[in-house]
Amino acid sequence: MTIVMFVVTIVLLGLFYFGGELPNSQYSTPVYTEQLLWWSYLLFGVAIVAALIFPVARLFTRPKEAMKSFIALAGIILLVLIAYSMSDGTIMNIPGYSGADNVPGTLKFTDTILITTYFLGIGAIGAIVVTEIIRRVR
């Protein structure tokens, strides 16, 4: 199943980059942008479902390991809640923009995603550095 998802992703990326552009569009827009976005949504949904279902299934087979999964899931939820509390929904003054996305809900959601990404990126870099330091000390 993983190989099939990988192949579909590679094919869609190839179509996205080399499949041409939409005629008469204001900006450079690849033809297969919508298909790639829907595929990304599908993969994201599969990842969410797997992240929620597997810990529940493991709860019945290996309860101790399931608790570790739930603790990790609770940590991620806590991280997102902290990012949400740090986000700002103030409407921006963007000259020349009159779209519908400059509203507090969308801005708060976008800030939450960005701040969560920053936290996870800093955590990943920190984990790499700490792992290398521990490896050198041993």
Protein backbone atom coordinates (compact mmCIF):
# COMPACT_ATOMS: atom_id res chain seq x y z
CA MET A 1 0.00 0.00 0.00
CA THR A 2 2.84 2.39 0.82
CA ILE A 3 4.46 1.78 -2.55
CA VAL A 4 1.18 2.56 -4.32
CA MET A 5 0.81 5.84 -2.41
CA PHE A 6 4.44 6.71 -3.19
CA VAL A 7 3.99 5.98 -6.92
CA VAL A 8 0.77 8.03 -7.09
CA THR A 9 2.53 10.91 -5.32
CA ILE A 10 5.48 10.78 -7.72
CA VAL A 11 3.15 10.69 -10.75
CA LEU A 12 1.11 13.64 -9.44
CA LEU A 13 4.26 15.62 -8.67
CA GLY A 14 5.53 14.93 -12.19
CA LEU A 15 2.22 16.10 -13.67
CA PHE A 16 2.26 19.16 -11.41
CA TYR A 17 5.75 20.25 -12.41
CA PHE A 18 5.81 19.15 -16.06
CA GLY A 19 2.10 19.06 -17.06
CA GLY A 20 1.84 22.61 -18.32
CA GLU A 21 0.13 25.71 -17.02
CA LEU A 22 -3.40 27.08 -17.14
CA PRO A 23 -3.95 29.50 -20.03
CA ASN A 24 -5.13 33.04 -19.36
CA SER A 25 -4.37 32.95 -15.64
CA GLN A 26 -3.03 35.98 -13.82
CA TYR A 27 -0.23 34.00 -12.14
CA SER A 28 1.77 30.95 -13.17
CA THR A 29 -0.61 28.09 -12.25
CA PRO A 30 0.17 24.44 -13.03
CA VAL A 31 -2.70 22.48 -14.62
CA TYR A 32 -2.68 19.70 -12.01
CA THR A 33 -2.66 21.85 -8.87
CA GLU A 34 -6.15 20.80 -7.77
CA GLN A 35 -5.43 17.07 -8.15
CA LEU A 36 -2.23 17.39 -6.11
CA LEU A 37 -4.05 19.30 -3.38
CA TRP A 38 -6.84 16.71 -3.17
CA TRP A 39 -4.25 13.92 -2.99
CA SER A 40 -2.53 15.81 -0.15
CA TYR A 41 -5.84 16.15 1.68
CA LEU A 42 -6.46 12.43 1.29
CA LEU A 43 -3.01 11.52 2.63
CA PHE A 44 -3.47 13.93 5.53
CA GLY A 45 -6.84 12.35 6.36
CA VAL A 46 -5.36 8.84 6.24
CA ALA A 47 -2.58 9.97 8.58
CA ILE A 48 -5.08 11.48 11.05
CA VAL A 49 -7.25 8.36 11.03
CA ALA A 50 -4.22 6.13 11.53
CA ALA A 51 -2.95 8.32 14.36
CA LEU A 52 -6.29 7.99 16.15
CA ILE A 53 -7.28 4.39 15.37
CA PHE A 54 -3.99 2.57 15.97
CA PRO A 55 -3.59 3.73 19.59
CA VAL A 56 -7.17 2.62 20.30
CA ALA A 57 -6.55 -0.78 18.68
CA ARG A 58 -3.29 -1.14 20.56
CA LEU A 59 -5.13 -0.40 23.80
CA PHE A 60 -6.73 -3.85 23.61
CA THR A 61 -3.64 -5.76 22.48
CA ARG A 62 -0.83 -4.05 24.43
CA PRO A 63 -2.14 -1.69 27.11
CA LYS A 64 1.25 -0.42 28.33
CA GLU A 65 2.39 0.56 24.86
CA ALA A 66 -0.99 2.13 24.17
CA MET A 67 -0.57 4.48 27.09
CA LYS A 68 2.71 5.71 25.56
CA SER A 69 0.88 6.43 22.32
CA PHE A 70 -1.88 8.30 24.13
CA ILE A 71 0.71 10.35 26.02
CA ALA A 72 2.36 11.30 22.72
CA LEU A 73 -1.03 12.17 21.22
CA ALA A 74 -1.89 14.28 24.28
CA GLY A 75 1.47 16.05 23.90
CA ILE A 76 0.70 16.94 20.30
CA ILE A 77 -2.76 18.20 21.26
CA LEU A 78 -1.21 20.29 24.03
CA LEU A 79 1.33 21.71 21.58
CA VAL A 80 -1.43 22.72 19.15
CA LEU A 81 -3.44 24.32 21.97
CA ILE A 82 -0.38 26.33 23.05
CA ALA A 83 0.16 27.42 19.44
CA TYR A 84 -3.53 28.38 19.22
CA SER A 85 -3.26 30.49 22.37
CA MET A 86 -0.23 32.27 20.87
CA SER A 87 -1.91 32.93 17.50
CA ASP A 88 -3.40 36.27 16.53
CA GLY A 89 -6.61 36.87 14.61
CA THR A 90 -6.13 40.59 14.01
CA ILE A 91 -7.31 41.57 10.55
CA MET A 92 -4.37 42.62 8.36
CA ASN A 93 -4.25 45.77 6.26
CA ILE A 94 -3.20 44.43 2.86
CA PRO A 95 -3.31 47.09 0.13
CA GLY A 96 -5.08 45.85 -3.00
CA TYR A 97 -6.48 42.68 -1.39
CA SER A 98 -10.23 42.36 -1.06
CA GLY A 99 -10.55 38.57 -0.70
CA ALA A 100 -12.59 36.68 1.85
CA ASP A 101 -9.67 35.11 3.73
CA ASN A 102 -8.67 38.15 5.78
CA VAL A 103 -10.98 37.25 8.68
CA PRO A 104 -10.07 36.43 12.29
CA GLY A 105 -10.92 32.71 12.08
CA THR A 106 -8.73 32.05 9.05
CA LEU A 107 -5.89 34.17 10.40
CA LYS A 108 -5.98 32.42 13.79
CA PHE A 109 -6.00 28.99 12.09
CA THR A 110 -3.06 29.95 9.85
CA ASP A 111 -1.08 31.30 12.79
CA THR A 112 -1.77 28.11 14.74
CA ILE A 113 -0.46 25.94 11.91
CA LEU A 114 2.63 28.12 11.43
CA ILE A 115 3.49 28.26 15.14
CA THR A 116 2.97 24.49 15.47
CA THR A 117 5.31 23.97 12.51
CA TYR A 118 7.91 26.22 14.12
CA PHE A 119 7.69 24.27 17.39
CA LEU A 120 8.00 20.92 15.62
CA GLY A 121 10.92 22.14 13.49
CA ILE A 122 12.78 23.49 16.50
CA GLY A 123 12.04 20.26 18.36
CA ALA A 124 13.38 18.16 15.47
CA ILE A 125 16.59 20.18 15.25
CA GLY A 126 16.95 20.06 19.04
CA ALA A 127 16.48 16.29 19.05
CA ILE A 128 19.17 15.89 16.37
CA VAL A 129 21.63 18.06 18.32
CA VAL A 130 20.93 16.34 21.65
CA THR A 131 21.20 12.88 20.07
CA GLU A 132 24.58 13.75 18.56
CA ILE A 133 25.84 15.18 21.84
CA ILE A 134 24.76 12.08 23.76
CA ARG A 135 26.34 9.84 21.13
CA ARG A 136 29.67 11.71 21.41
CA VAL A 137 29.65 11.58 25.23
CA ARG A 138 29.11 7.83 25.33
